[in-house]
N, C-alpha and C. Protein backbone atom coordinates (compact mmCIF):
# COMPACT_ATOMS: atom_id res chain seq x y z
N MET A 1 24.64 29.90 71.43
CA MET A 1 25.58 30.80 70.80
C MET A 1 25.83 32.02 71.69
N LEU A 2 24.78 32.48 72.37
CA LEU A 2 24.94 33.65 73.22
C LEU A 2 25.83 33.33 74.42
N LEU A 3 25.77 32.10 74.92
CA LEU A 3 26.62 31.71 76.04
C LEU A 3 28.10 31.74 75.66
N ILE A 4 28.41 31.39 74.43
CA ILE A 4 29.80 31.44 73.97
C ILE A 4 30.28 32.89 73.95
N LEU A 5 29.43 33.79 73.48
CA LEU A 5 29.80 35.21 73.47
C LEU A 5 29.95 35.76 74.88
N VAL A 6 29.10 35.32 75.80
CA VAL A 6 29.22 35.77 77.19
C VAL A 6 30.55 35.30 77.79
N ALA A 7 30.93 34.06 77.54
CA ALA A 7 32.22 33.56 78.03
C ALA A 7 33.38 34.36 77.45
N CYS A 8 33.30 34.66 76.17
CA CYS A 8 34.36 35.44 75.52
C CYS A 8 34.44 36.83 76.13
N ALA A 9 33.30 37.47 76.35
CA ALA A 9 33.29 38.83 76.90
C ALA A 9 33.81 38.86 78.33
N VAL A 10 33.41 37.89 79.14
CA VAL A 10 33.85 37.86 80.53
C VAL A 10 35.36 37.63 80.61
N LEU A 11 35.88 36.73 79.81
CA LEU A 11 37.32 36.48 79.81
C LEU A 11 38.10 37.67 79.25
N GLY A 12 37.59 38.30 78.23
CA GLY A 12 38.27 39.45 77.65
C GLY A 12 38.21 40.68 78.51
N PHE A 13 37.26 40.74 79.44
CA PHE A 13 37.12 41.90 80.32
C PHE A 13 38.33 42.07 81.22
N PHE A 14 39.02 40.99 81.55
CA PHE A 14 40.25 41.10 82.34
C PHE A 14 41.27 41.98 81.63
N SER A 15 41.46 41.77 80.34
CA SER A 15 42.40 42.58 79.57
C SER A 15 41.89 44.00 79.41
N PHE A 16 40.58 44.16 79.30
CA PHE A 16 40.01 45.49 79.15
C PHE A 16 40.32 46.34 80.37
N LEU A 17 40.23 45.78 81.57
CA LEU A 17 40.57 46.53 82.77
C LEU A 17 42.07 46.75 82.89
N ASP A 18 42.86 45.77 82.48
CA ASP A 18 44.31 45.93 82.51
C ASP A 18 44.78 47.00 81.54
N LEU A 19 44.01 47.26 80.52
CA LEU A 19 44.37 48.26 79.52
C LEU A 19 44.52 49.64 80.15
N PHE A 20 43.70 49.95 81.14
CA PHE A 20 43.73 51.27 81.74
C PHE A 20 44.80 51.42 82.81
N GLU A 21 45.52 50.34 83.12
CA GLU A 21 46.60 50.42 84.10
C GLU A 21 47.93 50.78 83.45
N GLY A 22 48.06 50.61 82.14
CA GLY A 22 49.32 50.89 81.45
C GLY A 22 49.17 52.07 80.50
N SER A 23 50.21 52.27 79.70
CA SER A 23 50.15 53.34 78.71
C SER A 23 49.71 52.77 77.37
N TRP A 24 49.11 53.60 76.54
CA TRP A 24 48.56 53.14 75.26
C TRP A 24 49.64 52.64 74.32
N GLY A 25 50.79 53.30 74.27
CA GLY A 25 51.86 52.89 73.36
C GLY A 25 52.40 51.51 73.69
N LYS A 26 52.48 51.20 74.97
CA LYS A 26 52.98 49.89 75.39
C LYS A 26 52.03 48.79 74.94
N VAL A 27 50.73 49.06 75.00
CA VAL A 27 49.75 48.04 74.64
C VAL A 27 49.90 47.64 73.19
N VAL A 28 50.05 48.61 72.32
CA VAL A 28 50.13 48.32 70.89
C VAL A 28 51.46 47.69 70.52
N SER A 29 52.56 48.21 71.05
CA SER A 29 53.86 47.76 70.58
C SER A 29 54.43 46.57 71.35
N GLU A 30 54.19 46.50 72.65
CA GLU A 30 54.89 45.49 73.45
C GLU A 30 54.00 44.38 74.00
N ASP A 31 52.74 44.65 74.19
CA ASP A 31 51.92 43.69 74.92
C ASP A 31 50.76 43.19 74.07
N ILE A 32 51.02 42.21 73.24
CA ILE A 32 50.00 41.64 72.37
C ILE A 32 48.93 40.92 73.19
N HIS A 33 49.30 40.49 74.39
CA HIS A 33 48.37 39.80 75.28
C HIS A 33 47.16 40.69 75.58
N LEU A 34 47.40 41.95 75.93
CA LEU A 34 46.29 42.87 76.21
C LEU A 34 45.49 43.18 74.96
N THR A 35 46.19 43.39 73.86
CA THR A 35 45.50 43.72 72.61
C THR A 35 44.56 42.60 72.19
N LEU A 36 45.02 41.37 72.33
CA LEU A 36 44.20 40.21 71.97
C LEU A 36 42.95 40.11 72.84
N GLY A 37 43.12 40.27 74.14
CA GLY A 37 41.97 40.19 75.05
C GLY A 37 40.97 41.31 74.86
N VAL A 38 41.47 42.54 74.66
CA VAL A 38 40.56 43.68 74.47
C VAL A 38 39.81 43.55 73.16
N THR A 39 40.48 43.08 72.12
CA THR A 39 39.80 42.88 70.83
C THR A 39 38.69 41.85 70.96
N ALA A 40 38.96 40.75 71.64
CA ALA A 40 37.94 39.72 71.83
C ALA A 40 36.78 40.26 72.66
N TYR A 41 37.08 41.04 73.71
CA TYR A 41 36.02 41.59 74.55
C TYR A 41 35.13 42.55 73.75
N LEU A 42 35.74 43.47 73.03
CA LEU A 42 34.94 44.46 72.30
C LEU A 42 34.11 43.82 71.20
N PHE A 43 34.67 42.83 70.52
CA PHE A 43 33.91 42.13 69.47
C PHE A 43 32.72 41.39 70.06
N ALA A 44 32.96 40.67 71.16
CA ALA A 44 31.89 39.89 71.78
C ALA A 44 30.82 40.79 72.38
N ILE A 45 31.22 41.86 73.04
CA ILE A 45 30.22 42.72 73.67
C ILE A 45 29.42 43.46 72.59
N GLY A 46 30.03 43.74 71.46
CA GLY A 46 29.30 44.35 70.34
C GLY A 46 28.24 43.41 69.79
N LEU A 47 28.59 42.14 69.63
CA LEU A 47 27.60 41.17 69.15
C LEU A 47 26.49 40.93 70.16
N ILE A 48 26.85 40.92 71.45
CA ILE A 48 25.83 40.75 72.49
C ILE A 48 24.88 41.95 72.48
N CYS A 49 25.42 43.13 72.32
CA CYS A 49 24.59 44.33 72.25
C CYS A 49 23.66 44.28 71.04
N GLN A 50 24.16 43.75 69.95
CA GLN A 50 23.36 43.63 68.73
C GLN A 50 22.23 42.61 68.91
N GLN A 51 22.50 41.51 69.60
CA GLN A 51 21.51 40.45 69.76
C GLN A 51 20.57 40.68 70.93
N SER A 52 21.09 41.17 72.05
CA SER A 52 20.29 41.27 73.27
C SER A 52 20.02 42.70 73.71
N GLY A 53 20.60 43.66 73.07
CA GLY A 53 20.36 45.04 73.44
C GLY A 53 21.37 45.55 74.46
N LEU A 54 21.19 46.79 74.80
CA LEU A 54 22.11 47.46 75.72
C LEU A 54 22.05 46.90 77.12
N ILE A 55 20.88 46.47 77.54
CA ILE A 55 20.75 45.90 78.89
C ILE A 55 21.51 44.58 78.98
N GLY A 56 21.41 43.75 77.96
CA GLY A 56 22.15 42.49 77.95
C GLY A 56 23.66 42.72 77.98
N ALA A 57 24.14 43.68 77.21
CA ALA A 57 25.58 44.00 77.20
C ALA A 57 26.02 44.55 78.55
N SER A 58 25.17 45.34 79.18
CA SER A 58 25.50 45.88 80.50
C SER A 58 25.57 44.78 81.55
N VAL A 59 24.65 43.84 81.49
CA VAL A 59 24.66 42.73 82.45
C VAL A 59 25.91 41.88 82.28
N VAL A 60 26.32 41.64 81.02
CA VAL A 60 27.53 40.85 80.78
C VAL A 60 28.76 41.60 81.27
N THR A 61 28.80 42.92 81.09
CA THR A 61 29.92 43.71 81.58
C THR A 61 29.98 43.67 83.11
N LEU A 62 28.84 43.77 83.76
CA LEU A 62 28.82 43.66 85.22
C LEU A 62 29.26 42.27 85.69
N LEU A 63 28.86 41.24 84.96
CA LEU A 63 29.30 39.88 85.28
C LEU A 63 30.82 39.76 85.13
N GLY A 64 31.37 40.37 84.09
CA GLY A 64 32.82 40.37 83.91
C GLY A 64 33.53 41.10 85.03
N TRP A 65 32.96 42.21 85.47
CA TRP A 65 33.57 42.98 86.56
C TRP A 65 33.55 42.17 87.86
N LEU A 66 32.44 41.51 88.14
CA LEU A 66 32.32 40.68 89.33
C LEU A 66 33.32 39.52 89.29
N THR A 67 33.41 38.87 88.14
CA THR A 67 34.36 37.77 87.99
C THR A 67 35.80 38.25 88.17
N ASN A 68 36.10 39.41 87.61
CA ASN A 68 37.44 39.98 87.73
C ASN A 68 37.78 40.25 89.20
N ASP A 69 36.85 40.83 89.95
CA ASP A 69 37.09 41.10 91.37
C ASP A 69 37.31 39.82 92.16
N VAL A 70 36.52 38.80 91.89
CA VAL A 70 36.66 37.54 92.61
C VAL A 70 38.01 36.89 92.32
N VAL A 71 38.40 36.90 91.04
CA VAL A 71 39.67 36.27 90.67
C VAL A 71 40.86 37.02 91.25
N ARG A 72 40.83 38.34 91.22
CA ARG A 72 41.95 39.13 91.73
C ARG A 72 42.09 39.04 93.25
N LYS A 73 40.99 38.82 93.96
CA LYS A 73 41.04 38.77 95.42
C LYS A 73 41.28 37.38 95.97
N THR A 74 41.23 36.37 95.12
CA THR A 74 41.47 34.99 95.56
C THR A 74 42.86 34.58 95.08
N PRO A 75 43.80 34.35 96.01
CA PRO A 75 45.18 34.05 95.60
C PRO A 75 45.31 32.80 94.73
N GLU A 76 44.47 31.79 94.97
CA GLU A 76 44.57 30.57 94.18
C GLU A 76 44.16 30.81 92.73
N LEU A 77 43.22 31.72 92.51
CA LEU A 77 42.75 32.00 91.16
C LEU A 77 43.58 33.06 90.46
N ALA A 78 44.26 33.91 91.21
CA ALA A 78 44.99 35.03 90.62
C ALA A 78 46.11 34.58 89.71
N ARG A 79 46.69 33.42 89.97
CA ARG A 79 47.79 32.98 89.09
C ARG A 79 47.30 32.49 87.73
N TRP A 80 46.01 32.24 87.58
CA TRP A 80 45.45 31.82 86.29
C TRP A 80 44.95 32.99 85.46
N GLN A 81 45.09 34.20 86.00
CA GLN A 81 44.57 35.39 85.33
C GLN A 81 45.26 35.64 83.98
N TRP A 82 46.51 35.27 83.84
CA TRP A 82 47.24 35.51 82.58
C TRP A 82 46.62 34.76 81.41
N SER A 83 45.88 33.69 81.70
CA SER A 83 45.32 32.88 80.62
C SER A 83 43.97 33.40 80.12
N ALA A 84 43.45 34.47 80.70
CA ALA A 84 42.12 34.96 80.31
C ALA A 84 42.10 35.47 78.87
N ALA A 85 43.12 36.21 78.45
CA ALA A 85 43.13 36.77 77.09
C ALA A 85 43.23 35.68 76.02
N PRO A 86 44.16 34.72 76.13
CA PRO A 86 44.18 33.66 75.12
C PRO A 86 42.90 32.82 75.10
N MET A 87 42.32 32.58 76.29
CA MET A 87 41.08 31.81 76.32
C MET A 87 39.93 32.58 75.68
N SER A 88 39.89 33.90 75.88
CA SER A 88 38.82 34.68 75.25
C SER A 88 38.96 34.68 73.74
N ALA A 89 40.19 34.73 73.24
CA ALA A 89 40.41 34.67 71.79
C ALA A 89 40.03 33.29 71.25
N LEU A 90 40.32 32.25 72.01
CA LEU A 90 39.96 30.89 71.60
C LEU A 90 38.45 30.71 71.56
N VAL A 91 37.76 31.23 72.56
CA VAL A 91 36.30 31.13 72.58
C VAL A 91 35.70 31.92 71.42
N LEU A 92 36.28 33.07 71.11
CA LEU A 92 35.80 33.86 69.97
C LEU A 92 36.02 33.11 68.66
N LEU A 93 37.15 32.43 68.54
CA LEU A 93 37.42 31.63 67.35
C LEU A 93 36.43 30.47 67.23
N ILE A 94 36.08 29.85 68.33
CA ILE A 94 35.07 28.78 68.33
C ILE A 94 33.73 29.35 67.87
N TYR A 95 33.37 30.52 68.37
CA TYR A 95 32.11 31.14 67.96
C TYR A 95 32.10 31.41 66.45
N VAL A 96 33.17 31.94 65.93
CA VAL A 96 33.23 32.24 64.50
C VAL A 96 33.15 30.95 63.68
N CYS A 97 33.83 29.89 64.12
CA CYS A 97 33.77 28.62 63.39
C CYS A 97 32.36 28.04 63.41
N ILE A 98 31.68 28.11 64.53
CA ILE A 98 30.31 27.62 64.60
C ILE A 98 29.38 28.46 63.74
N TYR A 99 29.58 29.77 63.77
CA TYR A 99 28.72 30.67 63.00
C TYR A 99 28.90 30.48 61.50
N VAL A 100 30.12 30.24 61.06
CA VAL A 100 30.39 30.05 59.63
C VAL A 100 29.89 28.69 59.17
N ALA A 101 30.02 27.68 60.01
CA ALA A 101 29.61 26.33 59.63
C ALA A 101 28.15 26.18 59.65
């Protein structure tokens, strides 16, 4: 279960970093893609912090940052970056379905 949350947090971290490149009003009104990814990231990192503590959440955030740098600097991977937010929401939905069942 923790691995699912880590995947969700790492994928959502892309949107979390993109959030600081734009203006706040645009994120809420025009760009649902960022809102979806940031929501998934914050939810997952909150659950990881609850289960593994602050050190676990910090390690996952650093892993997300490293993954983000690798993807942005590799041209072949950079074109798949747009799919990070929907995939993080999908992974979060899978986690919720498993947790409820």
